[in-house]
Every structure is written in C-alpha cells, then in structure tokens.
Amino acid sequence: MDFEKKLSRLEEIVGKMERGDLALEDSLKLFEEGVKISRECHSQLNEAEAKVKLLVSMDENGKATTVNFAADQA
C-alpha cells in the first residue's frame, strides 16, 4: 500500500474511533492497525527526508550534489 493510501486508511480509522460507537474489541483492533500504519508512514517519511538531504547537499564549490541512496545511510 502506498503512502497516500496508508494515510487515508489512518484517517478513516481515526474517524471511526472518534465516533465512539465501536465495541471495545473493535476499537482495539482498529487502534492496533492504526499504530502499525502510523509506524510505516513514519518510516517512509524518514526515508524520504534522508533522500532529500542527500539530493540537496552542496560540494565545496557550492554546486548541488547527489549521492546514491541506501536505506542504511539514513
């Protein structure tokens, strides 16, 4: 699932939980799913931030530089 779909699902979960008409078991299942999605989104955002930082780096002459990105560099 891509980032936008995850974010949309997270908003849907929040909406359902805010209504307050769910059984406790259903609320716990949605909460668990929401936490999982939130962590995945956070991870994707961190990776994107690391890529942006690499792409906008400057060399000693002030020229923009790019570096091949590897997840373990973040």
Protein backbone atom coordinates (compact mmCIF):
# COMPACT_ATOMS: atom_id res chain seq x y z
CA MET A 1 0.00 0.00 0.00
CA ASP A 2 1.42 3.40 -0.94
CA PHE A 3 1.86 6.29 1.49
CA GLU A 4 -1.28 8.16 0.43
CA LYS A 5 -3.46 5.07 0.82
CA LYS A 6 -1.97 4.41 4.26
CA LEU A 7 -2.64 7.97 5.30
CA SER A 8 -6.21 7.75 4.02
CA ARG A 9 -6.77 4.50 5.93
CA LEU A 10 -5.33 6.08 9.07
CA GLU A 11 -7.77 8.99 8.75
CA GLU A 12 -10.61 6.53 8.30
CA ILE A 13 -9.59 4.67 11.46
CA VAL A 14 -9.39 7.90 13.46
CA GLY A 15 -12.84 8.92 12.24
CA LYS A 16 -14.38 5.61 13.26
CA MET A 17 -12.76 5.73 16.68
CA GLU A 18 -13.76 9.35 17.29
CA ARG A 19 -17.43 8.50 16.77
CA GLY A 20 -17.21 6.36 19.90
CA ASP A 21 -19.79 3.79 18.83
CA LEU A 22 -17.44 0.81 18.47
CA ALA A 23 -17.22 -2.16 20.77
CA LEU A 24 -14.05 -2.33 22.83
CA GLU A 25 -12.67 -5.27 20.84
CA ASP A 26 -13.27 -3.45 17.53
CA SER A 27 -11.65 -0.30 18.91
CA LEU A 28 -8.59 -2.26 19.97
CA LYS A 29 -8.26 -3.89 16.55
CA LEU A 30 -8.51 -0.52 14.81
CA PHE A 31 -6.07 1.03 17.26
CA GLU A 32 -3.57 -1.75 16.59
CA GLU A 33 -3.96 -1.31 12.83
CA GLY A 34 -3.61 2.46 13.21
CA VAL A 35 -0.39 2.17 15.20
CA LYS A 36 1.06 -0.20 12.60
CA ILE A 37 0.15 2.14 9.73
CA SER A 38 1.45 5.15 11.65
CA ARG A 39 4.82 3.47 12.15
CA GLU A 40 5.02 2.51 8.47
CA CYS A 41 4.22 6.09 7.42
CA HIS A 42 6.78 7.48 9.85
CA SER A 43 9.41 5.14 8.42
CA GLN A 44 8.57 6.18 4.86
CA LEU A 45 8.78 9.87 5.81
CA ASN A 46 12.17 9.36 7.45
CA GLU A 47 13.45 7.61 4.34
CA ALA A 48 12.13 10.39 2.09
CA GLU A 49 13.74 13.03 4.33
CA ALA A 50 17.08 11.24 4.12
CA LYS A 51 16.83 11.15 0.32
CA VAL A 52 16.05 14.86 0.16
CA LYS A 53 19.02 15.66 2.38
CA LEU A 54 21.29 13.69 0.07
CA LEU A 55 19.89 15.34 -3.03
CA VAL A 56 20.31 18.91 -1.77
CA SER A 57 23.83 18.55 -0.48
CA MET A 58 26.39 21.07 -1.72
CA ASP A 59 30.03 20.47 -2.58
CA GLU A 60 32.89 22.79 -1.63
CA ASN A 61 32.17 24.92 -4.72
CA GLY A 62 28.51 25.42 -3.81
CA LYS A 63 27.22 23.10 -6.51
CA ALA A 64 24.36 20.73 -5.78
CA THR A 65 25.46 17.13 -5.45
CA THR A 66 23.62 13.83 -5.49
CA VAL A 67 24.55 10.59 -3.83
CA ASN A 68 23.09 7.17 -4.44
CA PHE A 69 20.71 6.47 -1.59
CA ALA A 70 20.84 3.34 0.51
CA ALA A 71 18.41 2.84 3.39
CA ASP A 72 21.27 2.10 5.79
CA GLN A 73 22.70 5.59 5.19
CA ALA A 74 19.73 7.25 6.90
